[in-house]
Amino acid sequence: MVDEVILDDVSLHVTDFHAEVIKDSEGREFRKVSFNFEVTNREYHDITTLLYQMVFDIKIPQSNEEFRGEIFNYATSVTNLYEENAVGDFSLVLLEVNEQE
């Protein structure tokens, strides 16, 4: 069971992790991972700043996987976590990118 994903050296405690391999129209295979994680008001600025980068070095320690990926889909339960003690649920889907093209 995967409960940690690292994006550019930022460790996220995740739930509902799912990984799959998908093929594009030319038959090339790419990894796709999805997961949920909570963000507190203290982490909000740093996490959203990280996510604005859109492309990351992704590490999944429990499966010894590392790859470059980009945000394929992103959702959050709130748009403003600046209120004290606020916690937001984030959902992220990342798709492996081939930077050699």
C-alpha atoms as a PDB file:
ATOM      1  CA  MET A   1       0.000   0.000   0.000  1.00  0.00           C
ATOM      2  CA  VAL A   2       1.501   3.311  -1.094  1.00  0.00           C
ATOM      3  CA  ASP A   3       1.134   6.141   1.406  1.00  0.00           C
ATOM      4  CA  GLU A   4       3.929   8.492   0.290  1.00  0.00           C
ATOM      5  CA  VAL A   5       4.609  10.310  -2.959  1.00  0.00           C
ATOM      6  CA  ILE A   6       7.474  12.769  -3.339  1.00  0.00           C
ATOM      7  CA  LEU A   7       7.159  15.658  -5.790  1.00  0.00           C
ATOM      8  CA  ASP A   8      10.448  17.521  -6.306  1.00  0.00           C
ATOM      9  CA  ASP A   9      11.675  16.549  -2.822  1.00  0.00           C
ATOM     10  CA  VAL A  10       8.355  17.472  -1.142  1.00  0.00           C
ATOM     11  CA  SER A  11       6.909  14.435   0.638  1.00  0.00           C
ATOM     12  CA  LEU A  12       3.132  14.029   0.595  1.00  0.00           C
ATOM     13  CA  HIS A  13       1.207  11.621   2.811  1.00  0.00           C
ATOM     14  CA  VAL A  14      -1.337  10.181   0.369  1.00  0.00           C
ATOM     15  CA  THR A  15      -4.464   8.052   0.415  1.00  0.00           C
ATOM     16  CA  ASP A  16      -6.401   6.258  -2.318  1.00  0.00           C
ATOM     17  CA  PHE A  17      -3.257   5.716  -4.381  1.00  0.00           C
ATOM     18  CA  HIS A  18      -3.759   4.098  -7.771  1.00  0.00           C
ATOM     19  CA  ALA A  19      -1.164   3.416 -10.489  1.00  0.00           C
ATOM     20  CA  GLU A  20      -1.652   2.192 -14.016  1.00  0.00           C
ATOM     21  CA  VAL A  21       0.099   2.082 -17.368  1.00  0.00           C
ATOM     22  CA  ILE A  22      -1.694   3.685 -20.300  1.00  0.00           C
ATOM     23  CA  LYS A  23      -0.902   3.750 -24.013  1.00  0.00           C
ATOM     24  CA  ASP A  24      -1.072   6.706 -26.352  1.00  0.00           C
ATOM     25  CA  SER A  25      -2.357   6.531 -29.927  1.00  0.00           C
ATOM     26  CA  GLU A  26       1.080   5.393 -31.119  1.00  0.00           C
ATOM     27  CA  GLY A  27       1.272   2.535 -28.608  1.00  0.00           C
ATOM     28  CA  ARG A  28       3.813   4.163 -26.276  1.00  0.00           C
ATOM     29  CA  GLU A  29       3.319   3.356 -22.600  1.00  0.00           C
ATOM     30  CA  PHE A  30       3.172   5.957 -19.839  1.00  0.00           C
ATOM     31  CA  ARG A  31       2.672   5.695 -16.089  1.00  0.00           C
ATOM     32  CA  LYS A  32      -0.376   7.358 -14.602  1.00  0.00           C
ATOM     33  CA  VAL A  33      -0.805   7.760 -10.852  1.00  0.00           C
ATOM     34  CA  SER A  34      -3.638   9.241  -8.856  1.00  0.00           C
ATOM     35  CA  PHE A  35      -3.994   9.945  -5.160  1.00  0.00           C
ATOM     36  CA  ASN A  36      -5.545  12.191  -2.549  1.00  0.00           C
ATOM     37  CA  PHE A  37      -3.867  14.180   0.206  1.00  0.00           C
ATOM     38  CA  GLU A  38      -4.767  16.740   2.835  1.00  0.00           C
ATOM     39  CA  VAL A  39      -3.325  20.226   3.009  1.00  0.00           C
ATOM     40  CA  THR A  40      -3.480  22.374   6.123  1.00  0.00           C
ATOM     41  CA  ASN A  41      -3.572  26.133   6.155  1.00  0.00           C
ATOM     42  CA  ARG A  42       0.116  26.112   7.175  1.00  0.00           C
ATOM     43  CA  GLU A  43       1.080  24.087   4.081  1.00  0.00           C
ATOM     44  CA  TYR A  44      -1.318  25.734   1.631  1.00  0.00           C
ATOM     45  CA  HIS A  45       1.004  28.357   0.135  1.00  0.00           C
ATOM     46  CA  ASP A  46       3.957  25.982  -0.283  1.00  0.00           C
ATOM     47  CA  ILE A  47       1.863  23.179  -1.799  1.00  0.00           C
ATOM     48  CA  THR A  48      -0.022  25.388  -4.251  1.00  0.00           C
ATOM     49  CA  THR A  49       3.229  27.072  -5.295  1.00  0.00           C
ATOM     50  CA  LEU A  50       4.691  23.619  -5.931  1.00  0.00           C
ATOM     51  CA  LEU A  51       1.659  22.495  -7.943  1.00  0.00           C
ATOM     52  CA  TYR A  52       1.806  25.604 -10.163  1.00  0.00           C
ATOM     53  CA  GLN A  53       5.043  24.183 -11.604  1.00  0.00           C
ATOM     54  CA  MET A  54       2.896  21.507 -13.330  1.00  0.00           C
ATOM     55  CA  VAL A  55       5.866  19.154 -14.062  1.00  0.00           C
ATOM     56  CA  PHE A  56       7.741  17.257 -11.346  1.00  0.00           C
ATOM     57  CA  ASP A  57      10.316  14.639 -10.514  1.00  0.00           C
ATOM     58  CA  ILE A  58       8.054  11.996  -8.994  1.00  0.00           C
ATOM     59  CA  LYS A  59       9.261   9.384  -6.526  1.00  0.00           C
ATOM     60  CA  ILE A  60       7.201   6.569  -5.080  1.00  0.00           C
ATOM     61  CA  PRO A  61       9.479   5.102  -2.405  1.00  0.00           C
ATOM     62  CA  GLN A  62       7.369   2.042  -1.584  1.00  0.00           C
ATOM     63  CA  SER A  63       7.550   0.773  -5.170  1.00  0.00           C
ATOM     64  CA  ASN A  64      11.026   2.135  -5.948  1.00  0.00           C
ATOM     65  CA  GLU A  65       9.686   4.145  -8.886  1.00  0.00           C
ATOM     66  CA  GLU A  66      10.966   7.466 -10.171  1.00  0.00           C
ATOM     67  CA  PHE A  67       9.817   9.333 -13.260  1.00  0.00           C
ATOM     68  CA  ARG A  68       9.117  12.775 -14.642  1.00  0.00           C
ATOM     69  CA  GLY A  69       5.437  13.615 -14.744  1.00  0.00           C
ATOM     70  CA  GLU A  70       2.951  16.404 -15.200  1.00  0.00           C
ATOM     71  CA  ILE A  71      -0.431  17.225 -13.765  1.00  0.00           C
ATOM     72  CA  PHE A  72      -3.146  15.552 -15.818  1.00  0.00           C
ATOM     73  CA  ASN A  73      -5.995  16.434 -13.443  1.00  0.00           C
ATOM     74  CA  TYR A  74      -6.192  18.390 -10.199  1.00  0.00           C
ATOM     75  CA  ALA A  75      -9.011  19.180  -7.804  1.00  0.00           C
ATOM     76  CA  THR A  76      -9.399  20.586  -4.330  1.00  0.00           C
ATOM     77  CA  SER A  77     -12.273  20.864  -1.889  1.00  0.00           C
ATOM     78  CA  VAL A  78     -11.482  24.505  -1.120  1.00  0.00           C
ATOM     79  CA  THR A  79      -9.983  27.519  -2.842  1.00  0.00           C
ATOM     80  CA  ASN A  80      -8.793  29.397   0.244  1.00  0.00           C
ATOM     81  CA  LEU A  81      -6.988  27.686   3.084  1.00  0.00           C
ATOM     82  CA  TYR A  82      -5.720  30.843   4.739  1.00  0.00           C
ATOM     83  CA  GLU A  83      -8.169  30.477   7.643  1.00  0.00           C
ATOM     84  CA  GLU A  84      -6.542  29.057  10.762  1.00  0.00           C
ATOM     85  CA  ASN A  85      -7.016  25.300  11.278  1.00  0.00           C
ATOM     86  CA  ALA A  86      -8.513  24.884   7.804  1.00  0.00           C
ATOM     87  CA  VAL A  87      -7.795  21.615   5.978  1.00  0.00           C
ATOM     88  CA  GLY A  88      -8.424  20.954   2.315  1.00  0.00           C
ATOM     89  CA  ASP A  89      -8.702  17.701   0.406  1.00  0.00           C
ATOM     90  CA  PHE A  90      -6.602  17.652  -2.750  1.00  0.00           C
ATOM     91  CA  SER A  91      -6.871  15.120  -5.565  1.00  0.00           C
ATOM     92  CA  LEU A  92      -4.063  14.767  -8.088  1.00  0.00           C
ATOM     93  CA  VAL A  93      -3.564  12.710 -11.247  1.00  0.00           C
ATOM     94  CA  LEU A  94      -0.060  12.692 -12.720  1.00  0.00           C
ATOM     95  CA  LEU A  95       0.971  11.413 -16.129  1.00  0.00           C
ATOM     96  CA  GLU A  96       4.508  10.421 -17.084  1.00  0.00           C
ATOM     97  CA  VAL A  97       6.097  12.694 -19.679  1.00  0.00           C
ATOM     98  CA  ASN A  98       8.681  11.751 -22.250  1.00  0.00           C
ATOM     99  CA  GLU A  99      11.093  14.691 -22.359  1.00  0.00           C
ATOM    100  CA  GLN A 100      13.179  13.150 -25.158  1.00  0.00           C
ATOM    101  CA  GLU A 101      10.730  14.185 -27.839  1.00  0.00           C
END
